[in-house]
Amino acid sequence: MNKDIIEILEKSEEIKFEVKSTEDYKYYFIKGLYGKVFLLCEERKNLEDTLKIVEKLCISDEVLKDMWPQFIYVIIMKQVNQVNNQTLKEIISVEENEYFCKKYVLYYEKKEIDALKEWMNKENEYKLGNMINLDECVRYMNEEEKKEVEEEEDKKEEGDKKGKYAVKMLLRLLIKCPFVQYRFDKKVFEDFDAELDSKLKGIRNYK
């Protein structure tokens, strides 16, 4: 089981994981709101083989076998060396298959996970749901970019930004793991146009 993903979720969220297993496969079971349940699984060999295992779980697990498919969410963790078109095609094929349950593939590169863990270690008070904040994301990306420029001006490449990797991984976690709760503070805009212009400038400067 991918310990990095589990560590991030356990550290940042008040989530009750129940570890379940068959004879040769371990998975995490999470009870959600409104009768929903979530299974956090790791890819086995490939997505096709993992899909077969997941479908068997849906008809054999004591809780799942009596549930409607629309209340069962399966998140398959898949580590990749590099995201390419073939990988995305395989992921889309799995996620569009709605037999037995709803499916998400949480794909990631090691550098993305490492960058997110580093960010979270710097911001110990943050939970994942709190970190999805435009100000915070732009601030962190700019901070990491500035640091890298100062440390390695001549060697820095556009694709080698820790801030970029961390934010991409954060957003993917929130999209692929529906049990993570978003938390937004209420904000009153004194001047909406000025606020929007400020945000756009921050994003453009990052690019």
Protein backbone atom coordinates (compact mmCIF):
# COMPACT_ATOMS: atom_id res chain seq x y z
CA MET A 1 0.00 0.00 0.00
CA ASN A 2 1.29 3.42 -0.86
CA LYS A 3 2.35 4.82 2.49
CA ASP A 4 2.88 8.38 1.24
CA ILE A 5 -0.74 8.91 0.20
CA ILE A 6 -2.07 7.33 3.39
CA GLU A 7 0.34 9.38 5.51
CA ILE A 8 -0.79 12.62 3.85
CA LEU A 9 -4.47 11.83 4.34
CA GLU A 10 -4.08 10.63 7.92
CA LYS A 11 -1.95 13.61 8.89
CA SER A 12 -4.19 16.22 7.34
CA GLU A 13 -7.74 14.97 7.76
CA GLU A 14 -9.91 13.59 10.52
CA ILE A 15 -10.52 10.43 8.52
CA LYS A 16 -11.28 7.06 10.06
CA PHE A 17 -9.60 4.38 7.97
CA GLU A 18 -10.64 0.76 8.40
CA VAL A 19 -8.02 -1.57 6.98
CA LYS A 20 -9.54 -4.55 5.20
CA SER A 21 -7.99 -7.36 3.23
CA THR A 22 -8.65 -10.47 1.21
CA GLU A 23 -6.16 -13.32 1.06
CA ASP A 24 -3.72 -11.29 -1.03
CA TYR A 25 -5.04 -7.74 -1.29
CA LYS A 26 -5.26 -4.95 1.30
CA TYR A 27 -7.45 -1.87 0.97
CA TYR A 28 -8.69 1.03 3.08
CA PHE A 29 -12.39 1.42 3.80
CA ILE A 30 -13.82 4.86 4.65
CA LYS A 31 -17.40 5.67 5.61
CA GLY A 32 -18.57 8.97 4.17
CA LEU A 33 -21.64 11.16 4.43
CA TYR A 34 -25.08 10.33 3.05
CA GLY A 35 -24.47 6.59 3.00
CA LYS A 36 -21.43 6.75 0.74
CA VAL A 37 -18.38 4.54 1.23
CA PHE A 38 -14.89 4.96 -0.20
CA LEU A 39 -12.26 2.32 -0.93
CA LEU A 40 -8.65 3.40 -1.23
CA CYS A 41 -6.78 0.76 -3.23
CA GLU A 42 -3.35 0.37 -4.77
CA GLU A 43 -2.75 -0.60 -8.36
CA ARG A 44 -1.84 -4.27 -8.78
CA LYS A 45 0.29 -5.02 -11.88
CA ASN A 46 -1.83 -2.73 -14.06
CA LEU A 47 -5.17 -0.92 -14.02
CA GLU A 48 -6.99 -3.73 -15.84
CA ASP A 49 -6.01 -6.33 -13.23
CA THR A 50 -6.79 -3.91 -10.42
CA LEU A 51 -10.23 -3.26 -11.89
CA LYS A 52 -11.01 -6.98 -11.75
CA ILE A 53 -9.98 -7.10 -8.08
CA VAL A 54 -12.11 -4.05 -7.26
CA GLU A 55 -15.17 -5.50 -8.96
CA LYS A 56 -14.79 -8.72 -7.00
CA LEU A 57 -14.60 -6.69 -3.79
CA CYS A 58 -17.87 -4.95 -4.67
CA ILE A 59 -19.74 -8.26 -4.81
CA SER A 60 -17.94 -10.07 -1.98
CA ASP A 61 -17.38 -7.44 0.75
CA GLU A 62 -20.00 -7.79 3.48
CA VAL A 63 -20.90 -4.10 3.36
CA LEU A 64 -20.52 -3.40 -0.35
CA LYS A 65 -22.44 -6.34 -1.75
CA ASP A 66 -25.77 -4.90 -0.57
CA MET A 67 -25.10 -1.33 -1.72
CA TRP A 68 -26.10 0.52 -4.88
CA PRO A 69 -23.10 1.24 -7.18
CA GLN A 70 -23.65 5.01 -7.02
CA PHE A 71 -22.83 4.98 -3.30
CA ILE A 72 -19.51 3.14 -3.69
CA TYR A 73 -16.42 5.16 -4.63
CA VAL A 74 -13.15 3.40 -5.42
CA ILE A 75 -9.91 5.40 -5.57
CA ILE A 76 -7.05 3.49 -7.20
CA MET A 77 -3.58 4.83 -6.41
CA LYS A 78 -1.23 4.65 -9.38
CA GLN A 79 2.37 5.82 -9.35
CA VAL A 80 3.78 6.68 -12.77
CA ASN A 81 7.25 7.64 -13.96
CA GLN A 82 5.77 10.19 -16.33
CA VAL A 83 2.24 11.09 -17.37
CA ASN A 84 1.71 10.51 -21.10
CA ASN A 85 -1.23 10.14 -23.48
CA GLN A 86 -1.34 6.35 -23.14
CA THR A 87 -1.51 6.60 -19.35
CA LEU A 88 -4.34 9.13 -19.54
CA LYS A 89 -6.27 6.93 -21.99
CA GLU A 90 -6.04 3.98 -19.59
CA ILE A 91 -7.17 6.17 -16.68
CA ILE A 92 -10.14 7.57 -18.59
CA SER A 93 -11.18 4.06 -19.64
CA VAL A 94 -11.28 2.96 -15.99
CA GLU A 95 -13.05 6.07 -14.70
CA GLU A 96 -15.73 5.87 -17.38
CA ASN A 97 -16.52 2.29 -16.37
CA GLU A 98 -19.38 2.72 -13.89
CA TYR A 99 -20.19 -0.96 -13.39
CA PHE A 100 -20.20 -2.02 -9.71
CA CYS A 101 -18.98 1.36 -8.43
CA LYS A 102 -17.70 4.85 -9.25
CA LYS A 103 -14.01 4.86 -9.95
CA TYR A 104 -11.20 7.42 -9.68
CA VAL A 105 -7.54 6.87 -10.53
CA LEU A 106 -5.25 8.93 -8.32
CA TYR A 107 -2.15 9.04 -10.50
CA TYR A 108 1.02 10.81 -9.44
CA GLU A 109 4.76 11.08 -9.94
CA LYS A 110 7.15 10.67 -7.02
CA LYS A 111 8.39 14.27 -7.37
CA GLU A 112 4.79 15.51 -6.97
CA ILE A 113 4.23 13.55 -3.75
CA ASP A 114 7.61 14.62 -2.35
CA ALA A 115 6.87 18.28 -3.14
CA LEU A 116 3.45 18.14 -1.45
CA LYS A 117 4.87 16.47 1.65
CA GLU A 118 7.56 19.16 1.87
CA TRP A 119 4.91 21.89 1.63
CA MET A 120 2.77 20.27 4.31
CA ASN A 121 5.76 19.87 6.61
CA LYS A 122 6.37 23.61 6.34
CA GLU A 123 2.72 24.37 7.07
CA ASN A 124 1.98 21.96 9.92
CA GLU A 125 -1.24 23.72 10.87
CA TYR A 126 -2.81 23.22 7.44
CA LYS A 127 -5.18 20.47 6.41
CA LEU A 128 -5.65 19.56 2.77
CA GLY A 129 -9.06 21.19 2.66
CA ASN A 130 -7.62 24.43 4.03
CA MET A 131 -4.69 24.49 1.61
CA ILE A 132 -6.93 24.81 -1.46
CA ASN A 133 -6.78 28.55 -1.37
CA LEU A 134 -5.72 30.66 -4.36
CA ASP A 135 -3.70 33.08 -2.25
CA GLU A 136 -1.84 30.24 -0.54
CA CYS A 137 -1.19 28.30 -3.75
CA VAL A 138 0.13 31.32 -5.65
CA ARG A 139 2.21 32.40 -2.64
CA TYR A 140 3.84 28.99 -2.33
CA MET A 141 4.54 28.64 -6.06
CA ASN A 142 6.14 32.09 -6.17
CA GLU A 143 8.13 31.40 -3.02
CA GLU A 144 9.58 28.17 -4.42
CA GLU A 145 10.28 29.73 -7.79
CA LYS A 146 12.16 32.63 -6.20
CA LYS A 147 14.20 30.24 -4.07
CA GLU A 148 15.21 28.16 -7.07
CA VAL A 149 16.14 31.23 -9.10
CA GLU A 150 18.40 32.40 -6.31
CA GLU A 151 20.00 29.01 -5.75
CA GLU A 152 20.42 27.86 -9.34
CA GLU A 153 19.76 30.65 -11.79
CA ASP A 154 21.54 29.13 -14.78
CA LYS A 155 20.18 25.59 -14.43
CA LYS A 156 16.57 26.26 -13.55
CA GLU A 157 13.98 24.99 -16.05
CA GLU A 158 10.30 25.91 -16.26
CA GLY A 159 9.20 22.35 -15.44
CA ASP A 160 11.38 21.95 -12.36
CA LYS A 161 9.40 23.89 -9.77
CA LYS A 162 8.54 22.30 -6.45
CA GLY A 163 5.70 24.73 -5.93
CA LYS A 164 4.13 23.74 -9.22
CA TYR A 165 4.38 20.03 -8.43
CA ALA A 166 3.01 20.48 -4.92
CA VAL A 167 -0.03 22.45 -6.04
CA LYS A 168 -0.76 20.03 -8.90
CA MET A 169 -0.67 17.12 -6.46
CA LEU A 170 -2.86 18.94 -3.96
CA LEU A 171 -5.50 19.71 -6.58
CA ARG A 172 -5.44 16.14 -7.89
CA LEU A 173 -5.91 14.74 -4.38
CA LEU A 174 -8.91 16.96 -3.78
CA ILE A 175 -10.46 16.00 -7.13
CA LYS A 176 -9.81 12.28 -6.88
CA CYS A 177 -10.62 11.87 -3.17
CA PRO A 178 -14.22 13.07 -2.67
CA PHE A 179 -14.09 12.34 1.07
CA VAL A 180 -11.68 15.25 1.65
CA GLN A 181 -13.69 18.21 2.91
CA TYR A 182 -12.99 21.65 1.43
CA ARG A 183 -12.91 24.56 3.87
CA PHE A 184 -13.36 28.08 2.57
CA ASP A 185 -13.27 31.16 4.75
CA LYS A 186 -15.85 33.80 4.00
CA LYS A 187 -14.32 36.80 2.32
CA VAL A 188 -15.76 40.23 1.64
CA PHE A 189 -14.48 41.93 -1.49
CA GLU A 190 -14.08 45.66 -1.03
CA ASP A 191 -13.05 46.05 -4.64
CA PHE A 192 -13.72 42.95 -6.76
CA ASP A 193 -11.98 44.28 -9.89
CA ALA A 194 -8.81 45.12 -7.95
CA GLU A 195 -8.87 41.74 -6.20
CA LEU A 196 -9.29 39.87 -9.51
CA ASP A 197 -6.53 41.89 -11.15
CA SER A 198 -4.20 41.08 -8.25
CA LYS A 199 -4.87 37.33 -8.54
CA LEU A 200 -4.37 37.34 -12.32
CA LYS A 201 -1.07 39.19 -11.97
CA GLY A 202 0.12 36.60 -9.46
CA ILE A 203 -0.75 33.75 -11.83
CA ARG A 204 0.84 35.48 -14.83
CA ASN A 205 4.02 36.18 -12.87
CA TYR A 206 4.23 32.49 -11.97
CA LYS A 207 3.94 31.44 -15.61
